N, C-alpha and C. Protein backbone atom coordinates (compact mmCIF):
# COMPACT_ATOMS: atom_id res chain seq x y z
N MET A 1 4.55 -56.68 137.11
CA MET A 1 3.80 -55.45 137.00
C MET A 1 2.33 -55.80 137.02
N LEU A 2 1.54 -54.99 137.70
CA LEU A 2 0.10 -55.18 137.71
C LEU A 2 -0.52 -54.40 136.57
N TRP A 3 -1.62 -54.85 136.10
CA TRP A 3 -2.40 -54.01 135.23
C TRP A 3 -3.82 -54.03 135.72
N GLY A 4 -4.33 -52.87 135.96
CA GLY A 4 -5.72 -52.73 136.31
C GLY A 4 -6.41 -52.51 134.99
N VAL A 5 -7.65 -52.74 134.97
CA VAL A 5 -8.34 -52.53 133.72
C VAL A 5 -9.52 -51.64 134.00
N ALA A 6 -9.67 -50.64 133.21
CA ALA A 6 -10.82 -49.77 133.36
C ALA A 6 -11.45 -49.64 132.01
N SER A 7 -12.64 -49.16 132.01
CA SER A 7 -13.30 -49.04 130.73
C SER A 7 -13.39 -47.60 130.32
N GLY A 8 -13.38 -47.38 129.09
CA GLY A 8 -13.47 -46.07 128.48
C GLY A 8 -13.86 -46.34 127.07
N ALA A 9 -13.15 -45.79 126.11
CA ALA A 9 -13.51 -46.05 124.72
C ALA A 9 -12.28 -45.98 123.84
N LEU A 10 -12.16 -46.91 122.92
CA LEU A 10 -11.13 -46.88 121.89
C LEU A 10 -11.82 -46.45 120.61
N GLU A 11 -11.22 -45.55 119.91
CA GLU A 11 -11.82 -45.05 118.67
C GLU A 11 -10.76 -45.01 117.58
N LEU A 12 -11.07 -45.56 116.41
CA LEU A 12 -10.15 -45.57 115.27
C LEU A 12 -10.67 -44.64 114.19
N ARG A 13 -9.76 -43.90 113.57
CA ARG A 13 -10.08 -43.05 112.42
C ARG A 13 -9.07 -43.32 111.34
N GLN A 14 -9.53 -43.66 110.16
CA GLN A 14 -8.64 -43.91 109.04
C GLN A 14 -8.13 -42.58 108.50
N GLU A 15 -6.82 -42.51 108.26
CA GLU A 15 -6.21 -41.32 107.70
C GLU A 15 -5.22 -41.74 106.64
N ALA A 16 -4.83 -40.81 105.82
CA ALA A 16 -3.80 -41.12 104.84
C ALA A 16 -2.54 -41.54 105.59
N GLY A 17 -2.01 -42.69 105.27
CA GLY A 17 -0.78 -43.16 105.89
C GLY A 17 -0.96 -43.87 107.21
N GLY A 18 -2.19 -44.12 107.63
CA GLY A 18 -2.35 -44.86 108.87
C GLY A 18 -3.72 -44.70 109.49
N VAL A 19 -3.78 -45.05 110.76
CA VAL A 19 -5.03 -45.01 111.51
C VAL A 19 -4.77 -44.27 112.80
N ARG A 20 -5.73 -43.45 113.21
CA ARG A 20 -5.67 -42.76 114.50
C ARG A 20 -6.52 -43.55 115.48
N LEU A 21 -5.92 -43.87 116.61
CA LEU A 21 -6.61 -44.60 117.66
C LEU A 21 -6.66 -43.70 118.88
N SER A 22 -7.83 -43.53 119.44
CA SER A 22 -7.94 -42.74 120.66
C SER A 22 -8.68 -43.54 121.70
N GLY A 23 -8.45 -43.21 122.96
CA GLY A 23 -9.11 -43.92 124.04
C GLY A 23 -9.00 -43.18 125.35
N ARG A 24 -9.70 -43.71 126.33
CA ARG A 24 -9.69 -43.08 127.63
C ARG A 24 -9.85 -44.11 128.73
N PHE A 25 -9.20 -43.84 129.86
CA PHE A 25 -9.28 -44.66 131.06
C PHE A 25 -9.85 -43.75 132.14
N PRO A 26 -11.07 -44.03 132.62
CA PRO A 26 -11.73 -43.10 133.54
C PRO A 26 -11.18 -43.13 134.96
N TYR A 27 -11.18 -41.98 135.58
CA TYR A 27 -10.83 -41.86 136.99
C TYR A 27 -12.12 -41.80 137.81
N GLY A 28 -12.02 -42.17 139.08
CA GLY A 28 -13.17 -42.08 139.97
C GLY A 28 -14.23 -43.13 139.72
N THR A 29 -13.91 -44.15 138.95
CA THR A 29 -14.85 -45.22 138.65
C THR A 29 -14.41 -46.49 139.35
N GLU A 30 -15.30 -47.04 140.12
CA GLU A 30 -14.98 -48.24 140.88
C GLU A 30 -15.33 -49.48 140.07
N THR A 31 -14.47 -50.49 140.16
CA THR A 31 -14.76 -51.76 139.50
C THR A 31 -14.46 -52.92 140.45
N GLU A 32 -15.18 -54.01 140.27
CA GLU A 32 -14.94 -55.22 141.06
C GLU A 32 -14.06 -56.15 140.25
N LEU A 33 -12.81 -56.31 140.70
CA LEU A 33 -11.86 -57.15 139.97
C LEU A 33 -12.17 -58.63 140.15
N VAL A 34 -12.42 -59.02 141.36
CA VAL A 34 -12.89 -60.36 141.72
C VAL A 34 -13.89 -60.14 142.85
N PRO A 35 -14.74 -61.11 143.14
CA PRO A 35 -15.74 -60.89 144.19
C PRO A 35 -15.14 -60.36 145.49
N GLY A 36 -15.64 -59.21 145.92
CA GLY A 36 -15.20 -58.59 147.16
C GLY A 36 -13.95 -57.72 147.06
N ARG A 37 -13.32 -57.65 145.88
CA ARG A 37 -12.10 -56.84 145.70
C ARG A 37 -12.39 -55.76 144.65
N PHE A 38 -12.45 -54.53 145.14
CA PHE A 38 -12.77 -53.39 144.29
C PHE A 38 -11.55 -52.51 144.10
N GLU A 39 -11.51 -51.78 143.00
CA GLU A 39 -10.39 -50.89 142.72
C GLU A 39 -10.92 -49.61 142.10
N LEU A 40 -10.27 -48.49 142.46
CA LEU A 40 -10.65 -47.17 141.97
C LEU A 40 -9.37 -46.35 141.80
N PHE A 41 -9.25 -45.64 140.69
CA PHE A 41 -8.12 -44.74 140.44
C PHE A 41 -8.58 -43.32 140.68
N GLU A 42 -7.82 -42.60 141.51
CA GLU A 42 -8.11 -41.19 141.76
C GLU A 42 -7.67 -40.37 140.55
N ALA A 43 -8.23 -39.18 140.42
CA ALA A 43 -7.88 -38.28 139.32
C ALA A 43 -6.38 -38.04 139.27
N ARG A 44 -5.84 -38.10 138.08
CA ARG A 44 -4.43 -37.83 137.79
C ARG A 44 -3.46 -38.78 138.51
N ALA A 45 -3.92 -40.00 138.76
CA ALA A 45 -3.09 -40.99 139.45
C ALA A 45 -1.81 -41.31 138.68
N PHE A 46 -1.82 -41.15 137.37
CA PHE A 46 -0.66 -41.49 136.55
C PHE A 46 0.21 -40.28 136.20
N SER A 47 -0.01 -39.15 136.83
CA SER A 47 0.64 -37.91 136.42
C SER A 47 2.16 -37.90 136.52
N GLY A 48 2.76 -38.66 137.43
CA GLY A 48 4.21 -38.62 137.62
C GLY A 48 5.01 -38.86 136.36
N ARG A 49 4.88 -40.02 135.76
CA ARG A 49 5.64 -40.34 134.54
C ARG A 49 5.15 -39.55 133.33
N ILE A 50 3.88 -39.22 133.31
CA ILE A 50 3.34 -38.46 132.17
C ILE A 50 3.92 -37.06 132.16
N GLU A 51 3.86 -36.37 133.30
CA GLU A 51 4.38 -35.01 133.38
C GLU A 51 5.89 -34.96 133.21
N ALA A 52 6.59 -36.03 133.59
CA ALA A 52 8.04 -36.08 133.45
C ALA A 52 8.45 -36.38 132.00
N GLY A 53 7.48 -36.66 131.14
CA GLY A 53 7.79 -36.94 129.73
C GLY A 53 8.35 -38.33 129.50
N GLU A 54 8.17 -39.24 130.45
CA GLU A 54 8.69 -40.60 130.32
C GLU A 54 8.02 -41.33 129.16
N ASP A 55 8.73 -42.31 128.62
CA ASP A 55 8.18 -43.10 127.54
C ASP A 55 7.09 -44.02 128.07
N VAL A 56 6.02 -44.12 127.35
CA VAL A 56 4.90 -45.02 127.62
C VAL A 56 4.57 -45.66 126.28
N HIS A 57 4.26 -46.94 126.30
CA HIS A 57 3.93 -47.66 125.07
C HIS A 57 2.44 -47.98 125.00
N LEU A 58 1.93 -48.05 123.80
CA LEU A 58 0.61 -48.61 123.53
C LEU A 58 0.88 -50.00 122.97
N LEU A 59 0.34 -51.02 123.62
CA LEU A 59 0.62 -52.41 123.25
C LEU A 59 -0.66 -53.16 122.88
N SER A 60 -0.48 -54.24 122.23
CA SER A 60 -1.56 -55.17 121.97
C SER A 60 -1.49 -56.25 123.05
N GLY A 61 -2.50 -56.29 123.92
CA GLY A 61 -2.60 -57.32 124.94
C GLY A 61 -1.48 -57.39 125.95
N HIS A 62 -0.95 -56.27 126.42
CA HIS A 62 0.12 -56.21 127.42
C HIS A 62 1.40 -56.93 126.97
N ASP A 63 1.62 -57.00 125.69
CA ASP A 63 2.78 -57.71 125.15
C ASP A 63 3.77 -56.71 124.58
N PHE A 64 4.91 -56.52 125.27
CA PHE A 64 5.91 -55.57 124.80
C PHE A 64 6.54 -56.01 123.47
N ASN A 65 6.27 -57.22 123.05
CA ASN A 65 6.72 -57.67 121.73
C ASN A 65 5.72 -57.31 120.64
N ARG A 66 4.62 -56.63 121.02
CA ARG A 66 3.60 -56.21 120.05
C ARG A 66 3.24 -54.73 120.25
N PRO A 67 4.24 -53.86 120.09
CA PRO A 67 3.96 -52.43 120.28
C PRO A 67 3.17 -51.86 119.11
N LEU A 68 2.25 -50.97 119.44
CA LEU A 68 1.46 -50.28 118.42
C LEU A 68 1.90 -48.83 118.27
N ALA A 69 2.37 -48.22 119.38
CA ALA A 69 2.82 -46.82 119.36
C ALA A 69 3.59 -46.55 120.65
N SER A 70 4.33 -45.42 120.67
CA SER A 70 5.02 -45.02 121.90
C SER A 70 5.24 -43.51 121.90
N ARG A 71 5.40 -42.96 123.09
CA ARG A 71 5.69 -41.54 123.21
C ARG A 71 7.05 -41.23 122.60
N GLN A 72 8.04 -42.08 122.87
CA GLN A 72 9.39 -41.85 122.37
C GLN A 72 9.43 -41.83 120.85
N ALA A 73 8.64 -42.68 120.22
CA ALA A 73 8.60 -42.72 118.75
C ALA A 73 7.78 -41.56 118.17
N GLY A 74 7.10 -40.83 119.02
CA GLY A 74 6.29 -39.71 118.54
C GLY A 74 4.94 -40.13 118.01
N SER A 75 4.54 -41.36 118.24
CA SER A 75 3.27 -41.85 117.71
C SER A 75 2.19 -42.00 118.78
N LEU A 76 2.48 -41.56 120.01
CA LEU A 76 1.52 -41.67 121.11
C LEU A 76 1.51 -40.38 121.92
N GLU A 77 0.34 -39.79 122.07
CA GLU A 77 0.15 -38.60 122.90
C GLU A 77 -0.75 -38.98 124.06
N ILE A 78 -0.35 -38.58 125.27
CA ILE A 78 -1.13 -38.89 126.48
C ILE A 78 -1.40 -37.59 127.22
N ARG A 79 -2.61 -37.46 127.73
CA ARG A 79 -2.96 -36.30 128.55
C ARG A 79 -3.91 -36.77 129.66
N GLU A 80 -3.88 -36.03 130.76
CA GLU A 80 -4.77 -36.34 131.87
C GLU A 80 -5.70 -35.18 132.14
N THR A 81 -6.92 -35.52 132.51
CA THR A 81 -7.88 -34.55 133.02
C THR A 81 -8.32 -35.08 134.38
N ASP A 82 -9.16 -34.34 135.06
CA ASP A 82 -9.68 -34.84 136.33
C ASP A 82 -10.63 -36.02 136.12
N GLN A 83 -11.13 -36.19 134.90
CA GLN A 83 -12.07 -37.27 134.62
C GLN A 83 -11.41 -38.53 134.07
N ALA A 84 -10.31 -38.40 133.33
CA ALA A 84 -9.74 -39.58 132.66
C ALA A 84 -8.32 -39.36 132.18
N LEU A 85 -7.65 -40.47 131.97
CA LEU A 85 -6.39 -40.52 131.23
C LEU A 85 -6.83 -40.71 129.78
N GLU A 86 -6.37 -39.85 128.90
CA GLU A 86 -6.76 -39.92 127.48
C GLU A 86 -5.52 -40.06 126.62
N PHE A 87 -5.67 -40.74 125.50
CA PHE A 87 -4.55 -40.89 124.59
C PHE A 87 -5.02 -40.84 123.15
N GLU A 88 -4.06 -40.53 122.28
CA GLU A 88 -4.27 -40.62 120.84
C GLU A 88 -3.00 -41.20 120.25
N ALA A 89 -3.14 -42.21 119.42
CA ALA A 89 -2.00 -42.89 118.82
C ALA A 89 -2.15 -42.93 117.31
N ARG A 90 -1.02 -42.92 116.64
CA ARG A 90 -0.99 -43.08 115.18
C ARG A 90 -0.43 -44.47 114.91
N ILE A 91 -1.25 -45.32 114.29
CA ILE A 91 -0.83 -46.68 113.98
C ILE A 91 -0.69 -46.77 112.47
N GLU A 92 0.53 -47.00 112.04
CA GLU A 92 0.80 -46.99 110.61
C GLU A 92 0.84 -48.39 110.00
N GLY A 93 0.59 -49.40 110.80
CA GLY A 93 0.61 -50.76 110.26
C GLY A 93 2.03 -51.19 109.96
N GLY A 94 2.18 -52.06 109.00
CA GLY A 94 3.50 -52.53 108.65
C GLY A 94 3.97 -53.70 109.50
N THR A 95 3.27 -53.99 110.59
CA THR A 95 3.61 -55.16 111.40
C THR A 95 2.39 -56.08 111.41
N SER A 96 2.64 -57.35 111.54
CA SER A 96 1.54 -58.32 111.53
C SER A 96 0.60 -58.09 112.71
N TRP A 97 1.14 -57.75 113.90
CA TRP A 97 0.28 -57.56 115.06
C TRP A 97 -0.55 -56.29 114.95
N ALA A 98 -0.04 -55.23 114.30
CA ALA A 98 -0.85 -54.03 114.09
C ALA A 98 -2.00 -54.34 113.13
N THR A 99 -1.70 -55.08 112.07
CA THR A 99 -2.74 -55.49 111.12
C THR A 99 -3.78 -56.36 111.82
N ASP A 100 -3.30 -57.30 112.65
CA ASP A 100 -4.22 -58.17 113.39
C ASP A 100 -5.08 -57.37 114.35
N PHE A 101 -4.46 -56.41 115.08
CA PHE A 101 -5.25 -55.57 116.00
C PHE A 101 -6.33 -54.80 115.25
N LEU A 102 -5.96 -54.17 114.14
CA LEU A 102 -6.94 -53.38 113.38
C LEU A 102 -8.08 -54.24 112.88
N ALA A 103 -7.77 -55.45 112.42
CA ALA A 103 -8.82 -56.36 111.94
C ALA A 103 -9.73 -56.80 113.10
N ALA A 104 -9.11 -57.12 114.25
CA ALA A 104 -9.90 -57.56 115.41
C ALA A 104 -10.77 -56.42 115.93
N HIS A 105 -10.26 -55.20 115.91
CA HIS A 105 -11.06 -54.05 116.34
C HIS A 105 -12.22 -53.83 115.38
N LYS A 106 -11.94 -53.89 114.10
CA LYS A 106 -13.00 -53.70 113.10
C LYS A 106 -14.10 -54.74 113.26
N ALA A 107 -13.73 -55.95 113.64
CA ALA A 107 -14.70 -57.03 113.85
C ALA A 107 -15.42 -56.90 115.19
N GLY A 108 -15.06 -55.90 116.00
CA GLY A 108 -15.71 -55.69 117.30
C GLY A 108 -15.17 -56.58 118.40
N LEU A 109 -14.02 -57.19 118.19
CA LEU A 109 -13.46 -58.12 119.17
C LEU A 109 -12.59 -57.45 120.23
N ILE A 110 -12.00 -56.32 119.91
CA ILE A 110 -11.14 -55.60 120.86
C ILE A 110 -11.69 -54.19 121.01
N ARG A 111 -12.17 -53.90 122.22
CA ARG A 111 -12.71 -52.57 122.49
C ARG A 111 -12.20 -52.01 123.81
N GLY A 112 -11.49 -52.83 124.59
CA GLY A 112 -11.09 -52.42 125.92
C GLY A 112 -9.70 -51.83 126.02
N LEU A 113 -9.47 -51.14 127.11
CA LEU A 113 -8.19 -50.50 127.40
C LEU A 113 -7.77 -50.89 128.81
N SER A 114 -6.50 -51.24 128.97
CA SER A 114 -5.98 -51.66 130.26
C SER A 114 -4.60 -51.05 130.47
N PRO A 115 -4.39 -50.33 131.59
CA PRO A 115 -3.07 -49.75 131.84
C PRO A 115 -2.14 -50.75 132.53
N GLY A 116 -0.87 -50.72 132.14
CA GLY A 116 0.17 -51.49 132.82
C GLY A 116 0.89 -50.52 133.74
N PHE A 117 0.87 -50.76 135.04
CA PHE A 117 1.38 -49.78 136.00
C PHE A 117 1.98 -50.48 137.21
N ARG A 118 2.70 -49.70 138.01
CA ARG A 118 3.19 -50.11 139.32
C ARG A 118 2.76 -49.02 140.30
N VAL A 119 2.17 -49.41 141.40
CA VAL A 119 1.74 -48.43 142.39
C VAL A 119 2.97 -47.83 143.04
N ALA A 120 3.03 -46.52 143.09
CA ALA A 120 4.15 -45.80 143.71
C ALA A 120 4.10 -46.00 145.22
N PRO A 121 5.26 -45.94 145.90
CA PRO A 121 5.26 -46.06 147.36
C PRO A 121 4.29 -45.04 147.98
N GLY A 122 3.42 -45.53 148.84
CA GLY A 122 2.43 -44.66 149.48
C GLY A 122 1.29 -44.27 148.56
N GLY A 123 1.21 -44.88 147.39
CA GLY A 123 0.21 -44.49 146.39
C GLY A 123 -1.09 -45.25 146.41
N GLU A 124 -1.36 -45.95 147.50
CA GLU A 124 -2.64 -46.66 147.57
C GLU A 124 -3.20 -46.59 148.98
N GLN A 125 -4.51 -46.67 149.07
CA GLN A 125 -5.21 -46.73 150.34
C GLN A 125 -6.15 -47.92 150.26
N ILE A 126 -6.16 -48.73 151.31
CA ILE A 126 -7.02 -49.90 151.35
C ILE A 126 -8.11 -49.65 152.37
N GLU A 127 -9.36 -49.83 151.94
CA GLU A 127 -10.50 -49.63 152.83
C GLU A 127 -11.27 -50.94 152.94
N ARG A 128 -11.64 -51.29 154.16
CA ARG A 128 -12.48 -52.47 154.37
C ARG A 128 -13.93 -52.06 154.10
N ARG A 129 -14.67 -52.91 153.37
CA ARG A 129 -16.08 -52.66 153.05
C ARG A 129 -16.86 -53.92 153.32
N GLY A 130 -17.50 -54.01 154.44
CA GLY A 130 -18.23 -55.23 154.76
C GLY A 130 -17.28 -56.42 154.71
N ASN A 131 -17.54 -57.36 153.82
CA ASN A 131 -16.67 -58.52 153.65
C ASN A 131 -15.63 -58.32 152.56
N GLY A 132 -15.56 -57.14 151.99
CA GLY A 132 -14.64 -56.89 150.88
C GLY A 132 -13.65 -55.78 151.16
N LEU A 133 -12.88 -55.44 150.12
CA LEU A 133 -11.87 -54.39 150.21
C LEU A 133 -11.95 -53.48 149.00
N LEU A 134 -11.67 -52.21 149.23
CA LEU A 134 -11.55 -51.24 148.13
C LEU A 134 -10.11 -50.76 148.13
N ARG A 135 -9.47 -50.90 147.00
CA ARG A 135 -8.12 -50.38 146.80
C ARG A 135 -8.25 -49.08 146.02
N ARG A 136 -7.88 -47.98 146.67
CA ARG A 136 -7.94 -46.65 146.05
C ARG A 136 -6.52 -46.28 145.65
N ILE A 137 -6.28 -46.14 144.35
CA ILE A 137 -4.94 -45.83 143.85
C ILE A 137 -4.84 -44.34 143.62
N THR A 138 -3.89 -43.72 144.33
CA THR A 138 -3.71 -42.27 144.24
C THR A 138 -2.50 -41.89 143.39
N ARG A 139 -1.48 -42.78 143.36
CA ARG A 139 -0.28 -42.54 142.55
C ARG A 139 0.23 -43.86 142.01
N ALA A 140 0.43 -43.89 140.69
CA ALA A 140 0.94 -45.11 140.05
C ALA A 140 1.85 -44.72 138.89
N GLU A 141 2.84 -45.54 138.64
CA GLU A 141 3.76 -45.32 137.53
C GLU A 141 3.23 -46.05 136.30
N LEU A 142 2.85 -45.29 135.29
CA LEU A 142 2.29 -45.86 134.06
C LEU A 142 3.40 -46.22 133.10
N PHE A 143 3.44 -47.47 132.68
CA PHE A 143 4.45 -47.95 131.73
C PHE A 143 3.87 -48.23 130.36
N GLU A 144 2.61 -48.65 130.33
CA GLU A 144 2.01 -48.98 129.06
C GLU A 144 0.49 -48.96 129.16
N LEU A 145 -0.13 -48.80 128.01
CA LEU A 145 -1.57 -48.95 127.85
C LEU A 145 -1.76 -50.08 126.85
N SER A 146 -2.72 -50.93 127.09
CA SER A 146 -2.93 -52.05 126.17
C SER A 146 -4.36 -52.12 125.68
N THR A 147 -4.49 -52.51 124.44
CA THR A 147 -5.80 -52.81 123.87
C THR A 147 -6.11 -54.25 124.28
N VAL A 148 -7.30 -54.48 124.82
CA VAL A 148 -7.68 -55.79 125.34
C VAL A 148 -9.12 -56.13 124.97
N THR A 149 -9.44 -57.41 125.04
CA THR A 149 -10.79 -57.85 124.72
C THR A 149 -11.76 -57.63 125.88
N ARG A 150 -11.28 -57.79 127.11
CA ARG A 150 -12.16 -57.67 128.28
C ARG A 150 -11.50 -56.80 129.34
N PRO A 151 -11.79 -55.52 129.36
CA PRO A 151 -11.20 -54.66 130.38
C PRO A 151 -11.87 -54.89 131.73
N ALA A 152 -11.11 -54.71 132.80
CA ALA A 152 -11.68 -54.83 134.15
C ALA A 152 -12.65 -53.68 134.40
N PHE A 153 -12.34 -52.51 133.87
CA PHE A 153 -13.22 -51.36 134.02
C PHE A 153 -14.02 -51.23 132.72
N GLU A 154 -15.31 -51.43 132.81
CA GLU A 154 -16.15 -51.40 131.61
C GLU A 154 -16.11 -50.06 130.88
N GLN A 155 -15.76 -48.97 131.58
CA GLN A 155 -15.73 -47.66 130.96
C GLN A 155 -14.44 -47.37 130.22
N ALA A 156 -13.46 -48.26 130.27
CA ALA A 156 -12.16 -48.04 129.61
C ALA A 156 -12.16 -48.77 128.28
N GLN A 157 -12.33 -48.03 127.23
CA GLN A 157 -12.41 -48.64 125.91
C GLN A 157 -11.66 -47.79 124.91
N VAL A 158 -11.38 -48.40 123.77
CA VAL A 158 -10.71 -47.70 122.69
C VAL A 158 -11.64 -47.66 121.49
N GLU A 159 -11.39 -46.73 120.62
CA GLU A 159 -12.22 -46.59 119.44
C GLU A 159 -11.36 -46.18 118.26
N ALA A 160 -11.64 -46.71 117.10
CA ALA A 160 -10.93 -46.36 115.88
C ALA A 160 -11.94 -45.87 114.87
N ARG A 161 -11.62 -44.82 114.14
CA ARG A 161 -12.51 -44.28 113.13
C ARG A 161 -11.74 -43.96 111.88
N SER A 162 -12.48 -43.72 110.78
CA SER A 162 -11.85 -43.21 109.57
C SER A 162 -11.53 -41.77 109.88
N TRP A 163 -10.73 -41.10 109.39
CA TRP A 163 -10.16 -39.87 109.73
C TRP A 163 -9.34 -40.15 111.05
N GLN A 164 -8.74 -51.55 152.59
CA GLN A 164 -8.39 -52.06 153.91
C GLN A 164 -7.73 -51.01 154.63
N ALA A 165 -7.93 -50.84 155.69
CA ALA A 165 -7.36 -49.79 156.53
C ALA A 165 -5.86 -49.97 156.69
N ASP A 166 -5.36 -51.17 156.86
CA ASP A 166 -3.93 -51.44 157.03
C ASP A 166 -3.45 -52.34 155.89
N PRO A 167 -2.87 -51.79 154.87
CA PRO A 167 -2.47 -52.62 153.73
C PRO A 167 -1.40 -53.63 154.07
N HIS A 168 -0.57 -53.37 155.08
CA HIS A 168 0.50 -54.30 155.43
C HIS A 168 -0.06 -55.57 156.05
N ARG A 169 -1.12 -55.42 156.81
CA ARG A 169 -1.73 -56.59 157.43
C ARG A 169 -2.35 -57.49 156.36
N GLN A 170 -2.88 -56.93 155.30
CA GLN A 170 -3.47 -57.71 154.22
C GLN A 170 -2.42 -58.46 153.42
N ALA A 171 -1.19 -57.97 153.43
CA ALA A 171 -0.15 -58.51 152.57
C ALA A 171 0.70 -59.58 153.22
N VAL A 172 0.42 -59.94 154.47
CA VAL A 172 1.25 -60.90 155.16
C VAL A 172 1.37 -62.18 154.35
N GLY A 173 2.61 -62.57 154.08
CA GLY A 173 2.85 -63.80 153.34
C GLY A 173 2.66 -63.70 151.85
N ALA A 174 2.29 -62.56 151.35
CA ALA A 174 2.06 -62.41 149.92
C ALA A 174 2.86 -61.24 149.38
N HIS A 175 3.45 -61.42 148.24
CA HIS A 175 4.14 -60.32 147.58
C HIS A 175 3.10 -59.24 147.27
N PRO A 176 3.43 -57.95 147.45
CA PRO A 176 2.43 -56.90 147.24
C PRO A 176 1.83 -56.90 145.84
N PHE A 177 2.55 -57.37 144.84
CA PHE A 177 2.00 -57.39 143.49
C PHE A 177 0.95 -58.50 143.32
N LYS A 178 0.99 -59.50 144.19
CA LYS A 178 0.09 -60.63 144.04
C LYS A 178 -1.12 -60.59 144.96
N ARG A 179 -1.12 -59.70 145.92
CA ARG A 179 -2.21 -59.77 146.90
C ARG A 179 -3.56 -59.38 146.31
N TRP A 180 -3.58 -58.76 145.11
CA TRP A 180 -4.85 -58.37 144.50
C TRP A 180 -5.31 -59.33 143.44
N ARG A 181 -4.51 -60.28 143.10
CA ARG A 181 -4.88 -61.20 142.03
C ARG A 181 -4.99 -62.61 142.61
N LEU A 182 -5.96 -63.34 142.17
CA LEU A 182 -6.12 -64.73 142.64
C LEU A 182 -5.29 -65.66 141.83
């Protein structure tokens, strides 16, 4: 599974019985993943699984062994606007990784947000730009959101408070999941 990283904001709010974490992943914002390789998510690119009510997890560092919240558990709410994918999670602690995440966030070490997704068939457009490429993602299946130290998209962050024209030609000899990563 690929994960693109965008920037937004993670916000924590302390509440009785836990912490509220909110964040956003912006749409329409271009980022350079590696020199010459750019990526942009179109508005509501993740709407398929979200509107279908599918389970999505909030994880620490893309690790399914370190879940912080999920839609199925009732501790994660996700919504989309034309500007961003937004979420709010209730983290009640009780696990070592949740405690570690909260401490790292408080220390200013974890502020980024990164989605774990798979591009849906026909859900991307590749544009050549001079010596580089722009990958425009129009439809992707969202499986998880992760809190990370360095998001690929500087605008994708979390916050906690108290209270190419021909994509097939580019992929020759490379698995489609690997053609964007070095």
